[in-house]
Amino acid sequence: MPVFASAVLRSSVVSRLRAAGCVFAEDEARILLTAAATPAELAAMVRARAQGRPLEHVVGWAEFAGLRIAVDPGVFVPRRRSEFLATEAARLARPGAVVVDLCCGSGALGAAVAAGAGHPVELYAADLDPAAVRCARRNLAGTGAQVFEGDLFAALPDALRGRVEVLIANVPYVPTGDIELLPPEARLHEARPALDGGADGLDVLRRVAVTAPRWLAPGGSLLFETSERQAADALVVARSVGLAAAVSRAEELDATVVTATKS
């Protein structure tokens, strides 16, 4: 922590954040005090956070699955509940497996799987958002991953067809009508395409599911996150394309993951 982070200053930062409505003001103050290199930078960071910018955008990173993930302004901030999706994917990734992180955002899931698998995997990632792709390339540097920009499977090399053993697709699943109910941090500061899943929240999932069997290897699995109330409908989507699908739940993270496997 910088030397200027006195107890008085720390208390002042906590008070400012609490007044702005930050529920975890003390934790956020600790992060800001650690991240800022000068008093002027700290003041600017506190001001930005108090104005509603996501903490992760203010400091430029998010903690995810024990990793520090770079997150630029406008890029979707990885949620802690998605650590369950990363854990489930890493469990299926055998040594040398072809793993694809589709709708990769910052690349947090791919990075977590690469770290959590415990052995090398052949990792690819893709996203439609150029800002997200830039983040993903930074976050996946050193993993050997290739990161592509484009719309879903159209971004991937054709050579991967029929070879993907673990396909992670953290598609947007918030129903369009619920976007306005999201916290301002997400609603105002994250790219809408990373949030909006269409009328019932499953539009992008349907696009992924209908094409996934052509990219999965025999025995390969598509894994995606959904909400608990959407899980039954998500299972129908996965099963409608011939995949054997099941739901896993992590109550402590409020996380719901569907694993859909090609026979």
C-alpha atoms as a PDB file:
ATOM      1  CA  MET A   1       0.000   0.000   0.000  1.00  0.00           C
ATOM      2  CA  PRO A   2       1.380   3.457  -0.864  1.00  0.00           C
ATOM      3  CA  VAL A   3       2.772   5.505   2.019  1.00  0.00           C
ATOM      4  CA  PHE A   4       0.091   8.151   1.558  1.00  0.00           C
ATOM      5  CA  ALA A   5      -2.614   5.626   2.491  1.00  0.00           C
ATOM      6  CA  SER A   6      -2.929   6.777   6.110  1.00  0.00           C
ATOM      7  CA  ALA A   7      -5.746   5.660   8.381  1.00  0.00           C
ATOM      8  CA  VAL A   8      -7.363   9.086   8.022  1.00  0.00           C
ATOM      9  CA  LEU A   9      -7.230   8.947   4.245  1.00  0.00           C
ATOM     10  CA  ARG A  10      -8.534   5.382   4.223  1.00  0.00           C
ATOM     11  CA  SER A  11     -11.467   6.417   6.390  1.00  0.00           C
ATOM     12  CA  SER A  12     -12.165   9.333   4.068  1.00  0.00           C
ATOM     13  CA  VAL A  13     -12.215   7.065   1.011  1.00  0.00           C
ATOM     14  CA  VAL A  14     -14.533   4.592   2.721  1.00  0.00           C
ATOM     15  CA  SER A  15     -16.909   7.404   3.692  1.00  0.00           C
ATOM     16  CA  ARG A  16     -16.953   8.795   0.152  1.00  0.00           C
ATOM     17  CA  LEU A  17     -17.681   5.389  -1.347  1.00  0.00           C
ATOM     18  CA  ARG A  18     -20.329   4.567   1.226  1.00  0.00           C
ATOM     19  CA  ALA A  19     -22.064   7.887   0.553  1.00  0.00           C
ATOM     20  CA  ALA A  20     -22.097   6.992  -3.152  1.00  0.00           C
ATOM     21  CA  GLY A  21     -23.929   3.753  -2.366  1.00  0.00           C
ATOM     22  CA  CYS A  22     -21.040   1.280  -2.614  1.00  0.00           C
ATOM     23  CA  VAL A  23     -22.121  -1.712  -0.525  1.00  0.00           C
ATOM     24  CA  PHE A  24     -18.578  -3.041  -0.074  1.00  0.00           C
ATOM     25  CA  ALA A  25     -17.000   0.350   0.557  1.00  0.00           C
ATOM     26  CA  GLU A  26     -14.214  -0.901   2.824  1.00  0.00           C
ATOM     27  CA  ASP A  27     -13.101  -3.625   0.394  1.00  0.00           C
ATOM     28  CA  GLU A  28     -13.249  -1.206  -2.518  1.00  0.00           C
ATOM     29  CA  ALA A  29     -11.278   1.423  -0.599  1.00  0.00           C
ATOM     30  CA  ARG A  30      -8.544  -1.123   0.061  1.00  0.00           C
ATOM     31  CA  ILE A  31      -8.329  -1.950  -3.655  1.00  0.00           C
ATOM     32  CA  LEU A  32      -8.281   1.702  -4.707  1.00  0.00           C
ATOM     33  CA  LEU A  33      -5.637   2.628  -2.130  1.00  0.00           C
ATOM     34  CA  THR A  34      -3.468  -0.228  -3.343  1.00  0.00           C
ATOM     35  CA  ALA A  35      -3.979   0.534  -7.042  1.00  0.00           C
ATOM     36  CA  ALA A  36      -3.320   4.282  -6.936  1.00  0.00           C
ATOM     37  CA  ALA A  37       0.279   5.400  -7.333  1.00  0.00           C
ATOM     38  CA  THR A  38      -0.244   9.007  -6.230  1.00  0.00           C
ATOM     39  CA  PRO A  39      -2.769  11.006  -4.196  1.00  0.00           C
ATOM     40  CA  ALA A  40      -3.982  12.648  -7.410  1.00  0.00           C
ATOM     41  CA  GLU A  41      -4.575   9.274  -9.050  1.00  0.00           C
ATOM     42  CA  LEU A  42      -6.408   8.069  -5.958  1.00  0.00           C
ATOM     43  CA  ALA A  43      -8.663  11.134  -6.009  1.00  0.00           C
ATOM     44  CA  ALA A  44      -9.487  10.531  -9.667  1.00  0.00           C
ATOM     45  CA  MET A  45     -10.237   6.860  -9.031  1.00  0.00           C
ATOM     46  CA  VAL A  46     -12.474   7.577  -6.054  1.00  0.00           C
ATOM     47  CA  ARG A  47     -14.317  10.231  -8.044  1.00  0.00           C
ATOM     48  CA  ALA A  48     -14.875   7.839 -10.954  1.00  0.00           C
ATOM     49  CA  ARG A  49     -16.136   5.086  -8.664  1.00  0.00           C
ATOM     50  CA  ALA A  50     -18.430   7.479  -6.803  1.00  0.00           C
ATOM     51  CA  GLN A  51     -19.876   8.511 -10.166  1.00  0.00           C
ATOM     52  CA  GLY A  52     -20.852   4.902 -10.830  1.00  0.00           C
ATOM     53  CA  ARG A  53     -18.072   3.464 -12.961  1.00  0.00           C
ATOM     54  CA  PRO A  54     -17.432  -0.214 -12.168  1.00  0.00           C
ATOM     55  CA  LEU A  55     -14.539  -0.667  -9.762  1.00  0.00           C
ATOM     56  CA  GLU A  56     -12.891  -3.052 -12.228  1.00  0.00           C
ATOM     57  CA  HIS A  57     -12.947  -0.431 -14.973  1.00  0.00           C
ATOM     58  CA  VAL A  58     -11.543   2.158 -12.570  1.00  0.00           C
ATOM     59  CA  VAL A  59      -8.526   0.079 -11.548  1.00  0.00           C
ATOM     60  CA  GLY A  60      -8.234  -1.755 -14.869  1.00  0.00           C
ATOM     61  CA  TRP A  61      -8.526  -5.311 -13.602  1.00  0.00           C
ATOM     62  CA  ALA A  62     -10.814  -7.854 -11.974  1.00  0.00           C
ATOM     63  CA  GLU A  63      -9.968 -10.746  -9.675  1.00  0.00           C
ATOM     64  CA  PHE A  64     -11.277 -13.992 -11.138  1.00  0.00           C
ATOM     65  CA  ALA A  65     -10.481 -17.548 -10.063  1.00  0.00           C
ATOM     66  CA  GLY A  66      -7.340 -16.325  -8.331  1.00  0.00           C
ATOM     67  CA  LEU A  67      -6.146 -14.476 -11.438  1.00  0.00           C
ATOM     68  CA  ARG A  68      -5.848 -10.764 -12.142  1.00  0.00           C
ATOM     69  CA  ILE A  69      -7.765 -10.163 -15.370  1.00  0.00           C
ATOM     70  CA  ALA A  70      -7.276  -6.927 -17.317  1.00  0.00           C
ATOM     71  CA  VAL A  71     -10.617  -5.215 -17.981  1.00  0.00           C
ATOM     72  CA  ASP A  72     -10.735  -2.072 -20.105  1.00  0.00           C
ATOM     73  CA  PRO A  73     -13.604   0.470 -20.031  1.00  0.00           C
ATOM     74  CA  GLY A  74     -16.724  -0.886 -21.713  1.00  0.00           C
ATOM     75  CA  VAL A  75     -15.627  -4.514 -21.523  1.00  0.00           C
ATOM     76  CA  PHE A  76     -17.823  -7.021 -19.678  1.00  0.00           C
ATOM     77  CA  VAL A  77     -16.577  -7.530 -16.121  1.00  0.00           C
ATOM     78  CA  PRO A  78     -16.182 -11.245 -15.264  1.00  0.00           C
ATOM     79  CA  ARG A  79     -18.571 -12.244 -12.480  1.00  0.00           C
ATOM     80  CA  ARG A  80     -17.474 -14.386  -9.574  1.00  0.00           C
ATOM     81  CA  ARG A  81     -20.320 -16.844 -10.234  1.00  0.00           C
ATOM     82  CA  SER A  82     -18.691 -17.667 -13.577  1.00  0.00           C
ATOM     83  CA  GLU A  83     -15.811 -19.270 -11.682  1.00  0.00           C
ATOM     84  CA  PHE A  84     -18.102 -22.315 -11.446  1.00  0.00           C
ATOM     85  CA  LEU A  85     -18.314 -22.476 -15.245  1.00  0.00           C
ATOM     86  CA  ALA A  86     -14.519 -22.302 -15.436  1.00  0.00           C
ATOM     87  CA  THR A  87     -14.185 -25.090 -12.857  1.00  0.00           C
ATOM     88  CA  GLU A  88     -16.604 -27.355 -14.722  1.00  0.00           C
ATOM     89  CA  ALA A  89     -14.819 -26.720 -18.021  1.00  0.00           C
ATOM     90  CA  ALA A  90     -11.364 -27.319 -16.538  1.00  0.00           C
ATOM     91  CA  ARG A  91     -12.576 -30.634 -15.115  1.00  0.00           C
ATOM     92  CA  LEU A  92     -13.399 -31.840 -18.645  1.00  0.00           C
ATOM     93  CA  ALA A  93     -10.238 -30.557 -20.315  1.00  0.00           C
ATOM     94  CA  ARG A  94      -7.890 -33.528 -20.677  1.00  0.00           C
ATOM     95  CA  PRO A  95      -4.200 -32.938 -21.524  1.00  0.00           C
ATOM     96  CA  GLY A  96      -3.903 -31.397 -24.977  1.00  0.00           C
ATOM     97  CA  ALA A  97      -7.676 -30.909 -25.339  1.00  0.00           C
ATOM     98  CA  VAL A  98      -8.962 -28.375 -27.832  1.00  0.00           C
ATOM     99  CA  VAL A  99     -10.759 -25.766 -25.712  1.00  0.00           C
ATOM    100  CA  VAL A 100     -12.723 -22.850 -27.186  1.00  0.00           C
ATOM    101  CA  ASP A 101     -13.851 -19.829 -25.173  1.00  0.00           C
ATOM    102  CA  LEU A 102     -16.653 -18.397 -27.316  1.00  0.00           C
ATOM    103  CA  CYS A 103     -18.085 -14.964 -26.420  1.00  0.00           C
ATOM    104  CA  CYS A 104     -14.835 -14.730 -24.479  1.00  0.00           C
ATOM    105  CA  GLY A 105     -15.069 -11.111 -23.352  1.00  0.00           C
ATOM    106  CA  SER A 106     -11.888 -10.357 -21.421  1.00  0.00           C
ATOM    107  CA  GLY A 107     -10.746 -13.972 -21.781  1.00  0.00           C
ATOM    108  CA  ALA A 108     -11.240 -14.634 -18.072  1.00  0.00           C
ATOM    109  CA  LEU A 109     -12.809 -18.064 -18.543  1.00  0.00           C
ATOM    110  CA  GLY A 110     -10.154 -19.243 -20.960  1.00  0.00           C
ATOM    111  CA  ALA A 111      -7.419 -18.014 -18.642  1.00  0.00           C
ATOM    112  CA  ALA A 112      -9.025 -19.752 -15.664  1.00  0.00           C
ATOM    113  CA  VAL A 113      -9.388 -23.034 -17.557  1.00  0.00           C
ATOM    114  CA  ALA A 114      -5.785 -22.869 -18.761  1.00  0.00           C
ATOM    115  CA  ALA A 115      -4.642 -22.302 -15.175  1.00  0.00           C
ATOM    116  CA  GLY A 116      -7.059 -24.744 -13.568  1.00  0.00           C
ATOM    117  CA  ALA A 117      -6.670 -27.717 -15.904  1.00  0.00           C
ATOM    118  CA  GLY A 118      -3.265 -28.512 -14.452  1.00  0.00           C
ATOM    119  CA  HIS A 119      -1.828 -29.426 -17.842  1.00  0.00           C
ATOM    120  CA  PRO A 120      -1.474 -27.825 -21.284  1.00  0.00           C
ATOM    121  CA  VAL A 121      -4.561 -27.413 -23.466  1.00  0.00           C
ATOM    122  CA  GLU A 122      -4.967 -26.104 -27.006  1.00  0.00           C
ATOM    123  CA  LEU A 123      -6.899 -22.898 -26.349  1.00  0.00           C
ATOM    124  CA  TYR A 124      -8.822 -20.642 -28.724  1.00  0.00           C
ATOM    125  CA  ALA A 125     -11.017 -17.652 -27.907  1.00  0.00           C
ATOM    126  CA  ALA A 126     -13.304 -15.350 -29.877  1.00  0.00           C
ATOM    127  CA  ASP A 127     -15.522 -12.336 -29.358  1.00  0.00           C
ATOM    128  CA  LEU A 128     -17.381  -9.829 -31.511  1.00  0.00           C
ATOM    129  CA  ASP A 129     -16.242  -6.788 -29.493  1.00  0.00           C
ATOM    130  CA  PRO A 130     -12.822  -5.408 -30.566  1.00  0.00           C
ATOM    131  CA  ALA A 131     -12.195  -3.953 -27.083  1.00  0.00           C
ATOM    132  CA  ALA A 132     -12.857  -7.333 -25.495  1.00  0.00           C
ATOM    133  CA  VAL A 133     -10.584  -9.063 -27.985  1.00  0.00           C
ATOM    134  CA  ARG A 134      -7.752  -6.676 -27.093  1.00  0.00           C
ATOM    135  CA  CYS A 135      -8.207  -7.516 -23.412  1.00  0.00           C
ATOM    136  CA  ALA A 136      -8.396 -11.242 -24.110  1.00  0.00           C
ATOM    137  CA  ARG A 137      -5.138 -11.168 -26.047  1.00  0.00           C
ATOM    138  CA  ARG A 138      -3.416  -9.563 -23.071  1.00  0.00           C
ATOM    139  CA  ASN A 139      -4.983 -11.902 -20.542  1.00  0.00           C
ATOM    140  CA  LEU A 140      -4.236 -15.036 -22.557  1.00  0.00           C
ATOM    141  CA  ALA A 141      -0.692 -14.085 -23.485  1.00  0.00           C
ATOM    142  CA  GLY A 142       1.619 -16.851 -22.369  1.00  0.00           C
ATOM    143  CA  THR A 143      -1.037 -19.574 -22.599  1.00  0.00           C
ATOM    144  CA  GLY A 144      -0.413 -20.222 -26.271  1.00  0.00           C
ATOM    145  CA  ALA A 145      -4.007 -19.252 -27.025  1.00  0.00           C
ATOM    146  CA  GLN A 146      -5.154 -17.787 -30.313  1.00  0.00           C
ATOM    147  CA  VAL A 147      -7.773 -15.041 -30.001  1.00  0.00           C
ATOM    148  CA  PHE A 148     -10.052 -14.078 -32.893  1.00  0.00           C
ATOM    149  CA  GLU A 149     -12.486 -11.250 -33.541  1.00  0.00           C
ATOM    150  CA  GLY A 150     -15.821 -12.120 -35.105  1.00  0.00           C
ATOM    151  CA  ASP A 151     -19.372 -13.385 -34.669  1.00  0.00           C
ATOM    152  CA  LEU A 152     -19.484 -16.699 -32.801  1.00  0.00           C
ATOM    153  CA  PHE A 153     -18.182 -19.656 -34.850  1.00  0.00           C
ATOM    154  CA  ALA A 154     -17.533 -17.475 -37.904  1.00  0.00           C
ATOM    155  CA  ALA A 155     -14.482 -16.147 -36.062  1.00  0.00           C
ATOM    156  CA  LEU A 156     -12.879 -19.573 -35.645  1.00  0.00           C
ATOM    157  CA  PRO A 157     -10.566 -21.422 -38.050  1.00  0.00           C
ATOM    158  CA  ASP A 158     -12.412 -24.082 -40.089  1.00  0.00           C
ATOM    159  CA  ALA A 159      -9.740 -26.573 -39.031  1.00  0.00           C
ATOM    160  CA  LEU A 160     -11.392 -26.727 -35.594  1.00  0.00           C
ATOM    161  CA  ARG A 161     -14.640 -28.208 -36.940  1.00  0.00           C
ATOM    162  CA  GLY A 162     -15.262 -31.553 -35.292  1.00  0.00           C
ATOM    163  CA  ARG A 163     -12.230 -31.205 -32.984  1.00  0.00           C
ATOM    164  CA  VAL A 164     -13.468 -29.102 -30.055  1.00  0.00           C
ATOM    165  CA  GLU A 165     -13.580 -31.101 -26.831  1.00  0.00           C
ATOM    166  CA  VAL A 166     -14.563 -28.292 -24.460  1.00  0.00           C
ATOM    167  CA  LEU A 167     -16.657 -25.428 -25.821  1.00  0.00           C
ATOM    168  CA  ILE A 168     -17.295 -22.665 -23.288  1.00  0.00           C
ATOM    169  CA  ALA A 169     -19.955 -20.208 -24.400  1.00  0.00           C
ATOM    170  CA  ASN A 170     -20.724 -17.599 -21.764  1.00  0.00           C
ATOM    171  CA  VAL A 171     -23.454 -16.100 -23.926  1.00  0.00           C
ATOM    172  CA  PRO A 172     -25.503 -13.082 -22.797  1.00  0.00           C
ATOM    173  CA  TYR A 173     -28.663 -14.351 -21.099  1.00  0.00           C
ATOM    174  CA  VAL A 174     -30.392 -11.302 -19.620  1.00  0.00           C
ATOM    175  CA  PRO A 175     -33.854 -10.891 -21.221  1.00  0.00           C
ATOM    176  CA  THR A 176     -34.092  -7.584 -23.080  1.00  0.00           C
ATOM    177  CA  GLY A 177     -36.897  -6.396 -20.826  1.00  0.00           C
ATOM    178  CA  ASP A 178     -34.737  -6.927 -17.742  1.00  0.00           C
ATOM    179  CA  ILE A 179     -31.758  -4.858 -18.917  1.00  0.00           C
ATOM    180  CA  GLU A 180     -33.142  -1.737 -17.243  1.00  0.00           C
ATOM    181  CA  LEU A 181     -33.289  -3.621 -13.935  1.00  0.00           C
ATOM    182  CA  LEU A 182     -29.551  -4.277 -13.897  1.00  0.00           C
ATOM    183  CA  PRO A 183     -27.242  -2.280 -11.605  1.00  0.00           C
ATOM    184  CA  PRO A 184     -26.009   0.949 -13.226  1.00  0.00           C
ATOM    185  CA  GLU A 185     -22.458  -0.408 -13.298  1.00  0.00           C
ATOM    186  CA  ALA A 186     -23.534  -3.026 -15.832  1.00  0.00           C
ATOM    187  CA  ARG A 187     -26.364  -1.178 -17.571  1.00  0.00           C
ATOM    188  CA  LEU A 188     -24.413   1.995 -18.270  1.00  0.00           C
ATOM    189  CA  HIS A 189     -20.804   0.868 -18.502  1.00  0.00           C
ATOM    190  CA  GLU A 190     -20.724  -2.571 -20.147  1.00  0.00           C
ATOM    191  CA  ALA A 191     -21.368  -3.238 -23.824  1.00  0.00           C
ATOM    192  CA  ARG A 192     -25.065  -4.053 -24.262  1.00  0.00           C
ATOM    193  CA  PRO A 193     -24.421  -7.007 -26.619  1.00  0.00           C
ATOM    194  CA  ALA A 194     -22.543  -8.672 -23.750  1.00  0.00           C
ATOM    195  CA  LEU A 195     -25.715  -8.523 -21.616  1.00  0.00           C
ATOM    196  CA  ASP A 196     -28.764  -8.712 -23.892  1.00  0.00           C
ATOM    197  CA  GLY A 197     -29.964 -12.253 -24.614  1.00  0.00           C
ATOM    198  CA  GLY A 198     -33.126 -11.284 -26.499  1.00  0.00           C
ATOM    199  CA  ALA A 199     -36.771 -11.528 -25.491  1.00  0.00           C
ATOM    200  CA  ASP A 200     -36.375 -14.595 -23.258  1.00  0.00           C
ATOM    201  CA  GLY A 201     -32.616 -14.343 -22.749  1.00  0.00           C
ATOM    202  CA  LEU A 202     -31.874 -17.407 -24.880  1.00  0.00           C
ATOM    203  CA  ASP A 203     -31.478 -15.972 -28.397  1.00  0.00           C
ATOM    204  CA  VAL A 204     -27.677 -16.155 -28.526  1.00  0.00           C
ATOM    205  CA  LEU A 205     -27.702 -19.578 -26.879  1.00  0.00           C
ATOM    206  CA  ARG A 206     -29.962 -20.871 -29.649  1.00  0.00           C
ATOM    207  CA  ARG A 207     -27.516 -19.599 -32.268  1.00  0.00           C
ATOM    208  CA  VAL A 208     -24.621 -21.313 -30.495  1.00  0.00           C
ATOM    209  CA  ALA A 209     -26.485 -24.567 -29.863  1.00  0.00           C
ATOM    210  CA  VAL A 210     -27.677 -25.108 -33.410  1.00  0.00           C
ATOM    211  CA  THR A 211     -24.110 -24.916 -34.745  1.00  0.00           C
ATOM    212  CA  ALA A 212     -22.164 -26.425 -31.843  1.00  0.00           C
ATOM    213  CA  PRO A 213     -22.575 -30.112 -32.858  1.00  0.00           C
ATOM    214  CA  ARG A 214     -20.656 -29.471 -36.078  1.00  0.00           C
ATOM    215  CA  TRP A 215     -17.697 -28.111 -34.103  1.00  0.00           C
ATOM    216  CA  LEU A 216     -17.690 -30.537 -31.179  1.00  0.00           C
ATOM    217  CA  ALA A 217     -15.599 -33.691 -31.284  1.00  0.00           C
ATOM    218  CA  PRO A 218     -17.395 -36.951 -30.428  1.00  0.00           C
ATOM    219  CA  GLY A 219     -17.805 -36.840 -26.653  1.00  0.00           C
ATOM    220  CA  GLY A 220     -17.089 -33.102 -26.623  1.00  0.00           C
ATOM    221  CA  SER A 221     -19.152 -30.782 -24.451  1.00  0.00           C
ATOM    222  CA  LEU A 222     -20.716 -27.351 -24.736  1.00  0.00           C
ATOM    223  CA  LEU A 223     -20.832 -25.586 -21.362  1.00  0.00           C
ATOM    224  CA  PHE A 224     -22.724 -22.388 -20.691  1.00  0.00           C
ATOM    225  CA  GLU A 225     -24.019 -20.349 -17.788  1.00  0.00           C
ATOM    226  CA  THR A 226     -27.675 -19.484 -17.360  1.00  0.00           C
ATOM    227  CA  SER A 227     -29.985 -18.308 -14.598  1.00  0.00           C
ATOM    228  CA  GLU A 228     -31.721 -20.791 -12.352  1.00  0.00           C
ATOM    229  CA  ARG A 229     -35.137 -19.792 -13.705  1.00  0.00           C
ATOM    230  CA  GLN A 230     -33.993 -20.208 -17.319  1.00  0.00           C
ATOM    231  CA  ALA A 231     -32.319 -23.577 -16.776  1.00  0.00           C
ATOM    232  CA  ALA A 232     -35.258 -25.743 -17.862  1.00  0.00           C
ATOM    233  CA  ASP A 233     -35.688 -23.821 -21.110  1.00  0.00           C
ATOM    234  CA  ALA A 234     -31.927 -23.863 -21.707  1.00  0.00           C
ATOM    235  CA  LEU A 235     -31.945 -27.657 -21.386  1.00  0.00           C
ATOM    236  CA  VAL A 236     -34.652 -27.840 -24.053  1.00  0.00           C
ATOM    237  CA  VAL A 237     -32.494 -25.717 -26.378  1.00  0.00           C
ATOM    238  CA  ALA A 238     -29.463 -27.972 -25.904  1.00  0.00           C
ATOM    239  CA  ARG A 239     -31.409 -31.208 -26.244  1.00  0.00           C
ATOM    240  CA  SER A 240     -33.235 -29.989 -29.345  1.00  0.00           C
ATOM    241  CA  VAL A 241     -29.963 -30.184 -31.309  1.00  0.00           C
ATOM    242  CA  GLY A 242     -29.212 -33.720 -30.145  1.00  0.00           C
ATOM    243  CA  LEU A 243     -26.923 -32.978 -27.203  1.00  0.00           C
ATOM    244  CA  ALA A 244     -27.252 -34.830 -23.895  1.00  0.00           C
ATOM    245  CA  ALA A 245     -27.622 -32.011 -21.395  1.00  0.00           C
ATOM    246  CA  ALA A 246     -27.613 -31.719 -17.615  1.00  0.00           C
ATOM    247  CA  VAL A 247     -27.664 -28.869 -15.097  1.00  0.00           C
ATOM    248  CA  SER A 248     -25.109 -28.286 -12.342  1.00  0.00           C
ATOM    249  CA  ARG A 249     -25.614 -25.792  -9.543  1.00  0.00           C
ATOM    250  CA  ALA A 250     -23.255 -24.033  -7.096  1.00  0.00           C
ATOM    251  CA  GLU A 251     -25.472 -22.463  -4.447  1.00  0.00           C
ATOM    252  CA  GLU A 252     -22.651 -20.550  -2.757  1.00  0.00           C
ATOM    253  CA  LEU A 253     -22.002 -18.672  -6.013  1.00  0.00           C
ATOM    254  CA  ASP A 254     -25.634 -18.590  -7.155  1.00  0.00           C
ATOM    255  CA  ALA A 255     -24.312 -20.172 -10.356  1.00  0.00           C
ATOM    256  CA  THR A 256     -26.107 -22.456 -12.807  1.00  0.00           C
ATOM    257  CA  VAL A 257     -24.219 -24.249 -15.569  1.00  0.00           C
ATOM    258  CA  VAL A 258     -25.504 -26.512 -18.338  1.00  0.00           C
ATOM    259  CA  THR A 259     -23.180 -29.156 -19.796  1.00  0.00           C
ATOM    260  CA  ALA A 260     -24.361 -30.468 -23.155  1.00  0.00           C
ATOM    261  CA  THR A 261     -22.408 -33.404 -24.610  1.00  0.00           C
ATOM    262  CA  LYS A 262     -22.212 -34.775 -28.139  1.00  0.00           C
ATOM    263  CA  SER A 263     -22.581 -38.547 -28.352  1.00  0.00           C
END
